[in-house]
Amino acid sequence: MHIVLISTPIGFLGSGKGGGVELTLNSLLTGLIAEGHTVDVVAPNNSKLVEASKKVKLHFVEGEEQKKLATSRLLFASNYS
């Protein structure tokens, strides 16, 4: 099966800014490749995949790296904690 995964725009892959999304994406890649699937990843410029993902085709997209979370997001989250 040919699968396309889209990364988070928070930061480029390999920066660590994607947190759980970045870790999950790398785990998915490893598992999908091991099962024989063809995988493409769409991610911000400068992204790098884990060493085991050499069989993955990486498609870069333009974007602006986010430096911090928007205040409204922090306020929204604090209202429900």
N, C-alpha and C. Protein backbone atom coordinates (compact mmCIF):
# COMPACT_ATOMS: atom_id res chain seq x y z
N MET A 1 0.84 -1.16 0.00
CA MET A 1 0.00 0.00 0.00
C MET A 1 0.90 1.24 0.00
N HIS A 2 0.48 2.29 -0.69
CA HIS A 2 1.21 3.56 -0.72
C HIS A 2 0.51 4.51 0.25
N ILE A 3 1.25 4.98 1.24
CA ILE A 3 0.69 5.81 2.31
C ILE A 3 1.40 7.15 2.35
N VAL A 4 0.64 8.23 2.56
CA VAL A 4 1.21 9.57 2.70
C VAL A 4 0.90 10.06 4.11
N LEU A 5 1.95 10.47 4.83
CA LEU A 5 1.79 11.04 6.17
C LEU A 5 2.15 12.52 6.12
N ILE A 6 1.41 13.33 6.86
CA ILE A 6 1.66 14.78 6.89
C ILE A 6 2.08 15.15 8.30
N SER A 7 3.22 15.82 8.39
CA SER A 7 3.78 16.20 9.69
C SER A 7 3.16 17.48 10.22
N THR A 8 3.46 17.76 11.48
CA THR A 8 3.01 18.98 12.13
C THR A 8 3.77 20.20 11.59
N PRO A 9 3.12 21.37 11.50
CA PRO A 9 3.82 22.57 11.04
C PRO A 9 4.55 23.31 12.17
N ILE A 10 4.51 22.78 13.38
CA ILE A 10 5.11 23.47 14.54
C ILE A 10 6.61 23.69 14.34
N GLY A 11 7.30 22.72 13.79
CA GLY A 11 8.73 22.82 13.54
C GLY A 11 9.15 21.70 12.61
N PHE A 12 10.31 21.82 12.01
CA PHE A 12 10.75 20.79 11.07
C PHE A 12 11.06 19.49 11.81
N LEU A 13 10.90 18.37 11.13
CA LEU A 13 11.19 17.07 11.71
C LEU A 13 12.68 16.99 12.03
N GLY A 14 12.97 16.53 13.21
CA GLY A 14 14.35 16.46 13.67
C GLY A 14 14.69 17.59 14.62
N SER A 15 13.80 18.59 14.71
CA SER A 15 14.04 19.72 15.61
C SER A 15 13.63 19.42 17.04
N GLY A 16 12.74 18.42 17.21
CA GLY A 16 12.23 18.10 18.53
C GLY A 16 11.03 18.94 18.93
N LYS A 17 10.70 19.95 18.14
CA LYS A 17 9.58 20.84 18.48
C LYS A 17 8.23 20.19 18.23
N GLY A 18 8.20 19.13 17.42
CA GLY A 18 6.94 18.45 17.13
C GLY A 18 6.48 17.54 18.25
N GLY A 19 7.36 17.30 19.22
CA GLY A 19 7.01 16.50 20.39
C GLY A 19 6.46 15.14 20.05
N GLY A 20 5.28 14.83 20.61
CA GLY A 20 4.66 13.53 20.42
C GLY A 20 4.29 13.24 18.98
N VAL A 21 3.94 14.29 18.23
CA VAL A 21 3.60 14.09 16.82
C VAL A 21 4.83 13.59 16.06
N GLU A 22 5.97 14.19 16.33
CA GLU A 22 7.21 13.79 15.67
C GLU A 22 7.60 12.37 16.04
N LEU A 23 7.50 12.03 17.30
CA LEU A 23 7.83 10.68 17.76
C LEU A 23 6.88 9.64 17.16
N THR A 24 5.59 9.96 17.13
CA THR A 24 4.60 9.04 16.58
C THR A 24 4.82 8.84 15.09
N LEU A 25 5.11 9.93 14.36
CA LEU A 25 5.35 9.83 12.93
C LEU A 25 6.54 8.92 12.65
N ASN A 26 7.62 9.09 13.39
CA ASN A 26 8.80 8.23 13.20
C ASN A 26 8.51 6.78 13.54
N SER A 27 7.72 6.53 14.57
CA SER A 27 7.34 5.15 14.91
C SER A 27 6.48 4.53 13.82
N LEU A 28 5.53 5.31 13.30
CA LEU A 28 4.68 4.84 12.21
C LEU A 28 5.53 4.49 10.98
N LEU A 29 6.47 5.36 10.65
CA LEU A 29 7.34 5.10 9.49
C LEU A 29 8.08 3.78 9.64
N THR A 30 8.66 3.57 10.79
CA THR A 30 9.43 2.35 11.03
C THR A 30 8.54 1.11 10.86
N GLY A 31 7.36 1.15 11.45
CA GLY A 31 6.44 0.01 11.38
C GLY A 31 5.90 -0.22 9.98
N LEU A 32 5.51 0.85 9.30
CA LEU A 32 4.94 0.72 7.96
C LEU A 32 5.97 0.19 6.96
N ILE A 33 7.19 0.68 7.06
CA ILE A 33 8.26 0.20 6.17
C ILE A 33 8.56 -1.27 6.45
N ALA A 34 8.58 -1.64 7.72
CA ALA A 34 8.84 -3.04 8.09
C ALA A 34 7.78 -3.97 7.52
N GLU A 35 6.56 -3.47 7.35
CA GLU A 35 5.47 -4.27 6.79
C GLU A 35 5.45 -4.23 5.26
N GLY A 36 6.41 -3.51 4.66
CA GLY A 36 6.52 -3.50 3.21
C GLY A 36 5.75 -2.41 2.49
N HIS A 37 5.23 -1.44 3.22
CA HIS A 37 4.47 -0.35 2.59
C HIS A 37 5.41 0.71 2.01
N THR A 38 4.93 1.43 1.02
CA THR A 38 5.63 2.58 0.46
C THR A 38 5.08 3.81 1.17
N VAL A 39 5.98 4.64 1.71
CA VAL A 39 5.53 5.79 2.50
C VAL A 39 6.17 7.08 1.99
N ASP A 40 5.34 8.11 1.83
CA ASP A 40 5.79 9.47 1.55
C ASP A 40 5.43 10.32 2.75
N VAL A 41 6.27 11.31 3.06
CA VAL A 41 6.01 12.21 4.17
C VAL A 41 6.06 13.65 3.66
N VAL A 42 5.06 14.43 4.02
CA VAL A 42 5.02 15.86 3.72
C VAL A 42 5.38 16.57 5.01
N ALA A 43 6.45 17.39 4.97
CA ALA A 43 6.95 18.04 6.18
C ALA A 43 7.59 19.38 5.84
N PRO A 44 7.76 20.24 6.86
CA PRO A 44 8.38 21.55 6.63
C PRO A 44 9.82 21.42 6.11
N ASN A 45 10.26 22.46 5.40
CA ASN A 45 11.65 22.53 4.92
C ASN A 45 12.61 22.23 6.07
N ASN A 46 13.76 21.69 5.75
CA ASN A 46 14.83 21.33 6.70
C ASN A 46 14.53 20.07 7.51
N SER A 47 13.42 19.41 7.25
CA SER A 47 13.08 18.20 8.00
C SER A 47 14.04 17.07 7.68
N LYS A 48 14.28 16.24 8.69
CA LYS A 48 15.11 15.05 8.54
C LYS A 48 14.40 13.91 9.23
N LEU A 49 14.45 12.74 8.61
CA LEU A 49 13.81 11.56 9.18
C LEU A 49 14.83 10.71 9.91
N VAL A 50 14.34 9.81 10.75
CA VAL A 50 15.24 8.89 11.46
C VAL A 50 15.97 8.02 10.45
N GLU A 51 17.10 7.51 10.84
CA GLU A 51 17.97 6.72 9.97
C GLU A 51 17.24 5.54 9.32
N ALA A 52 16.34 4.91 10.04
CA ALA A 52 15.62 3.74 9.53
C ALA A 52 14.66 4.09 8.40
N SER A 53 14.44 5.38 8.15
CA SER A 53 13.44 5.81 7.18
C SER A 53 14.04 6.20 5.83
N LYS A 54 15.18 5.61 5.46
CA LYS A 54 15.82 5.96 4.20
C LYS A 54 14.97 5.59 2.98
N LYS A 55 14.02 4.68 3.15
CA LYS A 55 13.16 4.26 2.04
C LYS A 55 11.97 5.20 1.85
N VAL A 56 11.83 6.19 2.70
CA VAL A 56 10.70 7.12 2.65
C VAL A 56 11.03 8.29 1.75
N LYS A 57 10.07 8.70 0.93
CA LYS A 57 10.26 9.89 0.11
C LYS A 57 9.74 11.09 0.91
N LEU A 58 10.59 12.09 1.10
CA LEU A 58 10.25 13.27 1.89
C LEU A 58 9.94 14.42 0.95
N HIS A 59 8.75 15.02 1.11
CA HIS A 59 8.30 16.16 0.30
C HIS A 59 8.31 17.39 1.20
N PHE A 60 9.07 18.42 0.82
CA PHE A 60 9.17 19.61 1.63
C PHE A 60 8.11 20.64 1.26
N VAL A 61 7.61 21.35 2.26
CA VAL A 61 6.67 22.45 2.05
C VAL A 61 7.21 23.69 2.75
N GLU A 62 6.89 24.82 2.19
CA GLU A 62 7.29 26.10 2.79
C GLU A 62 6.44 26.35 4.02
N GLY A 63 6.94 27.15 4.90
CA GLY A 63 6.19 27.50 6.09
C GLY A 63 7.03 28.35 7.00
N GLU A 64 6.42 28.81 8.06
CA GLU A 64 7.13 29.62 9.03
C GLU A 64 7.15 28.89 10.35
N GLU A 65 8.33 28.69 10.89
CA GLU A 65 8.47 28.00 12.16
C GLU A 65 7.82 28.81 13.27
N GLN A 66 7.03 28.15 14.09
CA GLN A 66 6.37 28.84 15.20
C GLN A 66 7.33 28.93 16.37
N LYS A 67 7.51 30.13 16.89
CA LYS A 67 8.45 30.35 17.98
C LYS A 67 7.84 30.05 19.34
N LYS A 68 6.54 30.31 19.51
CA LYS A 68 5.87 30.04 20.78
C LYS A 68 4.39 29.83 20.52
N LEU A 69 3.72 29.26 21.48
CA LEU A 69 2.29 29.05 21.35
C LEU A 69 1.55 30.36 21.47
N ALA A 70 0.48 30.49 20.74
CA ALA A 70 -0.34 31.69 20.84
C ALA A 70 -0.97 31.78 22.22
N THR A 71 -1.09 32.98 22.74
CA THR A 71 -1.65 33.19 24.08
C THR A 71 -3.07 32.63 24.17
N SER A 72 -3.84 32.77 23.11
CA SER A 72 -5.22 32.27 23.15
C SER A 72 -5.25 30.76 23.35
N ARG A 73 -4.30 30.04 22.80
CA ARG A 73 -4.25 28.59 22.99
C ARG A 73 -3.95 28.26 24.45
N LEU A 74 -3.04 29.00 25.04
CA LEU A 74 -2.70 28.76 26.43
C LEU A 74 -3.89 29.05 27.34
N LEU A 75 -4.59 30.13 27.06
CA LEU A 75 -5.76 30.48 27.86
C LEU A 75 -6.85 29.43 27.72
N PHE A 76 -7.09 28.97 26.50
CA PHE A 76 -8.10 27.95 26.24
C PHE A 76 -7.75 26.68 27.02
N ALA A 77 -6.51 26.27 26.94
CA ALA A 77 -6.09 25.05 27.63
C ALA A 77 -6.22 25.18 29.14
N SER A 78 -5.89 26.36 29.68
CA SER A 78 -5.94 26.53 31.13
C SER A 78 -7.37 26.54 31.66
N ASN A 79 -8.34 26.89 30.82
CA ASN A 79 -9.75 26.89 31.23
C ASN A 79 -10.29 25.48 31.44
N TYR A 80 -9.62 24.49 30.85
CA TYR A 80 -10.12 23.11 30.92
C TYR A 80 -9.20 22.17 31.67
N SER A 81 -8.27 22.71 32.43
CA SER A 81 -7.39 21.82 33.18
C SER A 81 -7.77 21.74 34.63
